Amino acid sequence: IMSTGDGSYDYFQFVQQWPPTNCRVRTKCSNPRPLQYFTIHGLWPSNYSNPKMPSNCIGSQFNESRVYPYLRPKLKISWPDVESGNDTKFWEGEWNKHGTCSERILNQMQYFQRSQAMWGSHNISEILKNASIVPHPTQTWTYSDIVSPIKTATKRTPLLRCKYDKKTQLLHEVVFCYGYNALKHIDCNRTAGCRNQQAISFQ
């Protein structure tokens, strides 16, 4: 695979996705009833200057034995493949594409442990529910309606990403940003996300 970088990066994007949006927009999902909580998409080393993040860096290829047995049942809950149902293949793809680019900071075992810890530190579905933001077929919210309760709960600014279904802007991903060592939760820079001026649907 061609590498698009030597693995130099500035910070991490920890990306969580809302499975019903995946299943509505991207593909037919193997599970007809998608999970109703935010699941991990990935932990992505990223650059401030170049929106195209480094990927497929020269590094060790995925080795399933490095995902410790105690961690696997947890990852099946936090980081499932909501589209095809092949969790291990999803983890492999995320490690080979993104994890290899930060391997000098997080080896494969640490990459999955740290992601699991990040996922466990804030429950986005609960945060939104406590702010009365729950999936609804017709109600819509503004960008700041959704960001505000997350910011209050985490003390940091997240980034929202959306997908389109015809003209409806659907909430798809919530991104938390972390510093170079993947330890310090930091504010996300406002890069391409949901369109600010347009209502966001959460279904």
C-alpha atoms as a PDB file:
ATOM      1  CA  ILE A   1       0.000   0.000   0.000  1.00  0.00           C
ATOM      2  CA  MET A   2       1.320   3.454  -0.806  1.00  0.00           C
ATOM      3  CA  SER A   3       2.054   5.500   2.258  1.00  0.00           C
ATOM      4  CA  THR A   4       0.779   9.085   2.330  1.00  0.00           C
ATOM      5  CA  GLY A   5       3.231  10.280   4.906  1.00  0.00           C
ATOM      6  CA  ASP A   6       6.001   9.274   7.210  1.00  0.00           C
ATOM      7  CA  GLY A   7       3.696   9.178  10.177  1.00  0.00           C
ATOM      8  CA  SER A   8       4.283  12.758  11.262  1.00  0.00           C
ATOM      9  CA  TYR A   9       1.182  14.110  12.965  1.00  0.00           C
ATOM     10  CA  ASP A  10       0.176  16.819  15.452  1.00  0.00           C
ATOM     11  CA  TYR A  11      -2.805  15.438  17.347  1.00  0.00           C
ATOM     12  CA  PHE A  12      -5.378  12.649  17.362  1.00  0.00           C
ATOM     13  CA  GLN A  13      -8.998  12.632  16.285  1.00  0.00           C
ATOM     14  CA  PHE A  14     -10.965  10.086  18.290  1.00  0.00           C
ATOM     15  CA  VAL A  15     -13.998   9.503  16.089  1.00  0.00           C
ATOM     16  CA  GLN A  16     -17.287   8.025  17.264  1.00  0.00           C
ATOM     17  CA  GLN A  17     -20.164   7.324  14.910  1.00  0.00           C
ATOM     18  CA  TRP A  18     -23.923   7.013  15.227  1.00  0.00           C
ATOM     19  CA  PRO A  19     -24.652   3.604  13.637  1.00  0.00           C
ATOM     20  CA  PRO A  20     -28.185   4.397  12.361  1.00  0.00           C
ATOM     21  CA  THR A  21     -26.698   7.141  10.155  1.00  0.00           C
ATOM     22  CA  ASN A  22     -24.094   4.727   8.767  1.00  0.00           C
ATOM     23  CA  CYS A  23     -26.767   2.211   7.975  1.00  0.00           C
ATOM     24  CA  ARG A  24     -29.025   4.764   6.363  1.00  0.00           C
ATOM     25  CA  VAL A  25     -26.504   6.495   4.161  1.00  0.00           C
ATOM     26  CA  ARG A  26     -23.540   4.284   3.433  1.00  0.00           C
ATOM     27  CA  THR A  27     -24.565   0.733   2.903  1.00  0.00           C
ATOM     28  CA  LYS A  28     -27.037  -1.853   3.905  1.00  0.00           C
ATOM     29  CA  CYS A  29     -26.016  -2.976   7.357  1.00  0.00           C
ATOM     30  CA  SER A  30     -25.803  -6.614   8.326  1.00  0.00           C
ATOM     31  CA  ASN A  31     -27.813  -5.872  11.453  1.00  0.00           C
ATOM     32  CA  PRO A  32     -31.287  -4.620  10.495  1.00  0.00           C
ATOM     33  CA  ARG A  33     -31.562  -2.868  13.871  1.00  0.00           C
ATOM     34  CA  PRO A  34     -28.447  -0.714  14.213  1.00  0.00           C
ATOM     35  CA  LEU A  35     -27.079  -0.001  17.676  1.00  0.00           C
ATOM     36  CA  GLN A  36     -28.562   3.035  19.401  1.00  0.00           C
ATOM     37  CA  TYR A  37     -25.364   4.325  20.961  1.00  0.00           C
ATOM     38  CA  PHE A  38     -22.195   5.960  19.638  1.00  0.00           C
ATOM     39  CA  THR A  39     -19.516   3.459  18.667  1.00  0.00           C
ATOM     40  CA  ILE A  40     -15.858   3.929  17.768  1.00  0.00           C
ATOM     41  CA  HIS A  41     -14.932   4.582  14.164  1.00  0.00           C
ATOM     42  CA  GLY A  42     -11.259   5.064  14.880  1.00  0.00           C
ATOM     43  CA  LEU A  43      -8.357   6.900  16.478  1.00  0.00           C
ATOM     44  CA  TRP A  44      -6.701   8.959  13.767  1.00  0.00           C
ATOM     45  CA  PRO A  45      -3.344  10.730  13.950  1.00  0.00           C
ATOM     46  CA  SER A  46      -3.968  14.060  12.198  1.00  0.00           C
ATOM     47  CA  ASN A  47      -2.239  17.255  11.136  1.00  0.00           C
ATOM     48  CA  TYR A  48      -3.338  20.853  11.615  1.00  0.00           C
ATOM     49  CA  SER A  49      -1.772  22.020   8.365  1.00  0.00           C
ATOM     50  CA  ASN A  50      -2.860  19.197   6.091  1.00  0.00           C
ATOM     51  CA  PRO A  51      -6.458  17.999   6.339  1.00  0.00           C
ATOM     52  CA  LYS A  52      -5.426  14.793   4.586  1.00  0.00           C
ATOM     53  CA  MET A  53      -4.158  12.838   7.540  1.00  0.00           C
ATOM     54  CA  PRO A  54      -1.186  10.514   7.284  1.00  0.00           C
ATOM     55  CA  SER A  55      -2.316   6.995   6.463  1.00  0.00           C
ATOM     56  CA  ASN A  56      -1.006   3.516   5.671  1.00  0.00           C
ATOM     57  CA  CYS A  57       2.350   4.353   7.203  1.00  0.00           C
ATOM     58  CA  ILE A  58       5.243   1.937   7.253  1.00  0.00           C
ATOM     59  CA  GLY A  59       4.706  -0.032  10.449  1.00  0.00           C
ATOM     60  CA  SER A  60       3.795  -3.377  11.863  1.00  0.00           C
ATOM     61  CA  GLN A  61       0.725  -4.952  10.335  1.00  0.00           C
ATOM     62  CA  PHE A  62      -2.257  -5.859  12.485  1.00  0.00           C
ATOM     63  CA  ASN A  63      -1.775  -8.877  14.709  1.00  0.00           C
ATOM     64  CA  GLU A  64      -4.956 -10.043  16.377  1.00  0.00           C
ATOM     65  CA  SER A  65      -3.064 -11.601  19.282  1.00  0.00           C
ATOM     66  CA  ARG A  66      -2.022  -8.084  20.319  1.00  0.00           C
ATOM     67  CA  VAL A  67      -5.643  -7.241  21.005  1.00  0.00           C
ATOM     68  CA  TYR A  68      -5.660  -8.845  24.425  1.00  0.00           C
ATOM     69  CA  PRO A  69      -8.376 -11.437  25.062  1.00  0.00           C
ATOM     70  CA  TYR A  70      -9.764  -9.378  27.973  1.00  0.00           C
ATOM     71  CA  LEU A  71     -10.141  -6.394  25.637  1.00  0.00           C
ATOM     72  CA  ARG A  72     -11.914  -8.155  22.776  1.00  0.00           C
ATOM     73  CA  PRO A  73     -15.365  -8.506  24.396  1.00  0.00           C
ATOM     74  CA  LYS A  74     -15.175  -4.820  25.366  1.00  0.00           C
ATOM     75  CA  LEU A  75     -14.210  -3.756  21.842  1.00  0.00           C
ATOM     76  CA  LYS A  76     -17.071  -5.799  20.422  1.00  0.00           C
ATOM     77  CA  ILE A  77     -19.347  -3.392  22.320  1.00  0.00           C
ATOM     78  CA  SER A  78     -17.417  -0.144  21.829  1.00  0.00           C
ATOM     79  CA  TRP A  79     -15.898  -0.742  18.375  1.00  0.00           C
ATOM     80  CA  PRO A  80     -18.137  -3.090  16.369  1.00  0.00           C
ATOM     81  CA  ASP A  81     -18.268  -3.188  12.602  1.00  0.00           C
ATOM     82  CA  VAL A  82     -21.789  -1.840  12.276  1.00  0.00           C
ATOM     83  CA  GLU A  83     -21.891  -2.395   8.524  1.00  0.00           C
ATOM     84  CA  SER A  84     -20.646  -5.919   7.813  1.00  0.00           C
ATOM     85  CA  GLY A  85     -20.441  -7.296  11.336  1.00  0.00           C
ATOM     86  CA  ASN A  86     -16.791  -8.349  10.896  1.00  0.00           C
ATOM     87  CA  ASP A  87     -15.292  -6.619  13.942  1.00  0.00           C
ATOM     88  CA  THR A  88     -11.763  -7.992  13.658  1.00  0.00           C
ATOM     89  CA  LYS A  89     -11.496  -6.952  10.032  1.00  0.00           C
ATOM     90  CA  PHE A  90     -12.643  -3.444  10.954  1.00  0.00           C
ATOM     91  CA  TRP A  91     -10.004  -3.192  13.719  1.00  0.00           C
ATOM     92  CA  GLU A  92      -7.384  -4.464  11.297  1.00  0.00           C
ATOM     93  CA  GLY A  93      -8.309  -1.831   8.701  1.00  0.00           C
ATOM     94  CA  GLU A  94      -8.200   0.997  11.244  1.00  0.00           C
ATOM     95  CA  TRP A  95      -4.837  -0.110  12.647  1.00  0.00           C
ATOM     96  CA  ASN A  96      -3.210  -0.587   9.242  1.00  0.00           C
ATOM     97  CA  LYS A  97      -4.511   2.731   7.904  1.00  0.00           C
ATOM     98  CA  HIS A  98      -4.212   4.966  10.993  1.00  0.00           C
ATOM     99  CA  GLY A  99      -2.547   3.155  13.888  1.00  0.00           C
ATOM    100  CA  THR A 100       0.644   2.546  11.957  1.00  0.00           C
ATOM    101  CA  CYS A 101       1.154   6.324  11.721  1.00  0.00           C
ATOM    102  CA  SER A 102       1.444   6.798  15.492  1.00  0.00           C
ATOM    103  CA  GLU A 103       3.119   3.512  16.342  1.00  0.00           C
ATOM    104  CA  ARG A 104       6.094   5.225  17.933  1.00  0.00           C
ATOM    105  CA  ILE A 105       3.713   6.629  20.564  1.00  0.00           C
ATOM    106  CA  LEU A 106       1.116   3.845  20.785  1.00  0.00           C
ATOM    107  CA  ASN A 107       1.976   0.280  19.904  1.00  0.00           C
ATOM    108  CA  GLN A 108      -0.870  -1.891  18.719  1.00  0.00           C
ATOM    109  CA  MET A 109      -1.862  -3.071  22.165  1.00  0.00           C
ATOM    110  CA  GLN A 110      -1.838   0.503  23.511  1.00  0.00           C
ATOM    111  CA  TYR A 111      -3.728   1.814  20.481  1.00  0.00           C
ATOM    112  CA  PHE A 112      -6.735  -0.369  21.270  1.00  0.00           C
ATOM    113  CA  GLN A 113      -6.464   0.048  25.038  1.00  0.00           C
ATOM    114  CA  ARG A 114      -6.330   3.838  24.737  1.00  0.00           C
ATOM    115  CA  SER A 115      -9.268   3.908  22.316  1.00  0.00           C
ATOM    116  CA  GLN A 116     -11.328   1.810  24.706  1.00  0.00           C
ATOM    117  CA  ALA A 117     -10.449   4.160  27.578  1.00  0.00           C
ATOM    118  CA  MET A 118     -11.388   7.234  25.517  1.00  0.00           C
ATOM    119  CA  TRP A 119     -14.713   5.659  24.621  1.00  0.00           C
ATOM    120  CA  GLY A 120     -15.395   4.859  28.266  1.00  0.00           C
ATOM    121  CA  SER A 121     -14.523   8.322  29.531  1.00  0.00           C
ATOM    122  CA  HIS A 122     -17.604  10.096  28.104  1.00  0.00           C
ATOM    123  CA  ASN A 123     -20.890   8.552  27.011  1.00  0.00           C
ATOM    124  CA  ILE A 124     -22.068  10.801  24.183  1.00  0.00           C
ATOM    125  CA  SER A 125     -25.486   9.159  23.935  1.00  0.00           C
ATOM    126  CA  GLU A 126     -26.122   9.852  27.637  1.00  0.00           C
ATOM    127  CA  ILE A 127     -24.783  13.410  27.453  1.00  0.00           C
ATOM    128  CA  LEU A 128     -27.179  14.198  24.594  1.00  0.00           C
ATOM    129  CA  LYS A 129     -30.077  12.398  26.257  1.00  0.00           C
ATOM    130  CA  ASN A 130     -29.583  14.461  29.413  1.00  0.00           C
ATOM    131  CA  ALA A 131     -29.911  17.555  27.214  1.00  0.00           C
ATOM    132  CA  SER A 132     -33.150  16.124  25.723  1.00  0.00           C
ATOM    133  CA  ILE A 133     -31.437  15.415  22.417  1.00  0.00           C
ATOM    134  CA  VAL A 134     -32.689  11.982  21.465  1.00  0.00           C
ATOM    135  CA  PRO A 135     -33.258  10.358  18.080  1.00  0.00           C
ATOM    136  CA  HIS A 136     -36.388  11.781  16.490  1.00  0.00           C
ATOM    137  CA  PRO A 137     -37.818  11.383  12.983  1.00  0.00           C
ATOM    138  CA  THR A 138     -38.604  15.074  12.433  1.00  0.00           C
ATOM    139  CA  GLN A 139     -37.078  17.286  15.137  1.00  0.00           C
ATOM    140  CA  THR A 140     -33.878  19.142  14.254  1.00  0.00           C
ATOM    141  CA  TRP A 141     -31.151  20.935  16.173  1.00  0.00           C
ATOM    142  CA  THR A 142     -28.518  23.538  15.459  1.00  0.00           C
ATOM    143  CA  TYR A 143     -24.822  22.743  15.511  1.00  0.00           C
ATOM    144  CA  SER A 144     -24.394  24.567  18.829  1.00  0.00           C
ATOM    145  CA  ASP A 145     -27.457  22.827  20.366  1.00  0.00           C
ATOM    146  CA  ILE A 146     -25.565  19.550  20.031  1.00  0.00           C
ATOM    147  CA  VAL A 147     -22.046  20.807  20.768  1.00  0.00           C
ATOM    148  CA  SER A 148     -23.019  22.732  23.931  1.00  0.00           C
ATOM    149  CA  PRO A 149     -23.956  19.829  26.235  1.00  0.00           C
ATOM    150  CA  ILE A 150     -20.949  17.813  25.041  1.00  0.00           C
ATOM    151  CA  LYS A 151     -18.674  20.784  25.687  1.00  0.00           C
ATOM    152  CA  THR A 152     -20.185  21.272  29.148  1.00  0.00           C
ATOM    153  CA  ALA A 153     -19.712  17.612  30.047  1.00  0.00           C
ATOM    154  CA  THR A 154     -16.197  17.197  28.651  1.00  0.00           C
ATOM    155  CA  LYS A 155     -14.861  20.773  29.113  1.00  0.00           C
ATOM    156  CA  ARG A 156     -13.590  20.552  25.520  1.00  0.00           C
ATOM    157  CA  THR A 157     -14.964  21.486  22.102  1.00  0.00           C
ATOM    158  CA  PRO A 158     -15.824  18.499  19.924  1.00  0.00           C
ATOM    159  CA  LEU A 159     -16.323  18.453  16.171  1.00  0.00           C
ATOM    160  CA  LEU A 160     -19.539  17.192  14.573  1.00  0.00           C
ATOM    161  CA  ARG A 161     -19.615  15.504  11.195  1.00  0.00           C
ATOM    162  CA  CYS A 162     -22.744  14.886   9.168  1.00  0.00           C
ATOM    163  CA  LYS A 163     -23.918  12.813   6.220  1.00  0.00           C
ATOM    164  CA  TYR A 164     -26.614  13.754   3.765  1.00  0.00           C
ATOM    165  CA  ASP A 165     -29.695  11.759   2.952  1.00  0.00           C
ATOM    166  CA  LYS A 166     -31.261  13.689   0.098  1.00  0.00           C
ATOM    167  CA  LYS A 167     -31.423  17.182   1.643  1.00  0.00           C
ATOM    168  CA  THR A 168     -31.432  16.153   5.285  1.00  0.00           C
ATOM    169  CA  GLN A 169     -28.231  16.747   7.231  1.00  0.00           C
ATOM    170  CA  LEU A 170     -27.882  13.783   9.592  1.00  0.00           C
ATOM    171  CA  LEU A 171     -25.590  13.700  12.618  1.00  0.00           C
ATOM    172  CA  HIS A 172     -23.012  11.019  11.866  1.00  0.00           C
ATOM    173  CA  GLU A 173     -19.863  11.477  13.949  1.00  0.00           C
ATOM    174  CA  VAL A 174     -18.698  13.200  17.100  1.00  0.00           C
ATOM    175  CA  VAL A 175     -14.948  13.811  17.224  1.00  0.00           C
ATOM    176  CA  PHE A 176     -12.892  14.328  20.387  1.00  0.00           C
ATOM    177  CA  CYS A 177      -9.357  15.615  19.955  1.00  0.00           C
ATOM    178  CA  TYR A 178      -6.324  14.518  21.932  1.00  0.00           C
ATOM    179  CA  GLY A 179      -2.754  15.778  22.083  1.00  0.00           C
ATOM    180  CA  TYR A 180       0.290  14.167  20.485  1.00  0.00           C
ATOM    181  CA  ASN A 181       0.606  11.451  23.145  1.00  0.00           C
ATOM    182  CA  ALA A 182      -3.120  10.605  23.005  1.00  0.00           C
ATOM    183  CA  LEU A 183      -3.448  11.471  26.692  1.00  0.00           C
ATOM    184  CA  LYS A 184      -4.602  15.062  26.951  1.00  0.00           C
ATOM    185  CA  HIS A 185      -8.139  15.833  25.771  1.00  0.00           C
ATOM    186  CA  ILE A 186      -7.950  19.127  23.829  1.00  0.00           C
ATOM    187  CA  ASP A 187     -10.326  21.374  21.877  1.00  0.00           C
ATOM    188  CA  CYS A 188     -10.888  20.366  18.273  1.00  0.00           C
ATOM    189  CA  ASN A 189     -10.114  22.879  15.563  1.00  0.00           C
ATOM    190  CA  ARG A 190     -13.165  23.611  13.489  1.00  0.00           C
ATOM    191  CA  THR A 191     -12.347  21.779  10.279  1.00  0.00           C
ATOM    192  CA  ALA A 192     -14.835  20.389   7.800  1.00  0.00           C
ATOM    193  CA  GLY A 193     -17.826  19.271   9.790  1.00  0.00           C
ATOM    194  CA  CYS A 194     -21.591  19.647   9.652  1.00  0.00           C
ATOM    195  CA  ARG A 195     -22.817  22.794   7.943  1.00  0.00           C
ATOM    196  CA  ASN A 196     -23.295  25.333  10.649  1.00  0.00           C
ATOM    197  CA  GLN A 197     -26.194  27.170   9.082  1.00  0.00           C
ATOM    198  CA  GLN A 198     -28.243  24.088   8.348  1.00  0.00           C
ATOM    199  CA  ALA A 199     -30.444  22.185  10.790  1.00  0.00           C
ATOM    200  CA  ILE A 200     -29.101  18.842  11.971  1.00  0.00           C
ATOM    201  CA  SER A 201     -31.285  15.798  12.201  1.00  0.00           C
ATOM    202  CA  PHE A 202     -30.557  13.000  14.705  1.00  0.00           C
ATOM    203  CA  GLN A 203     -32.505   9.873  13.804  1.00  0.00           C
END
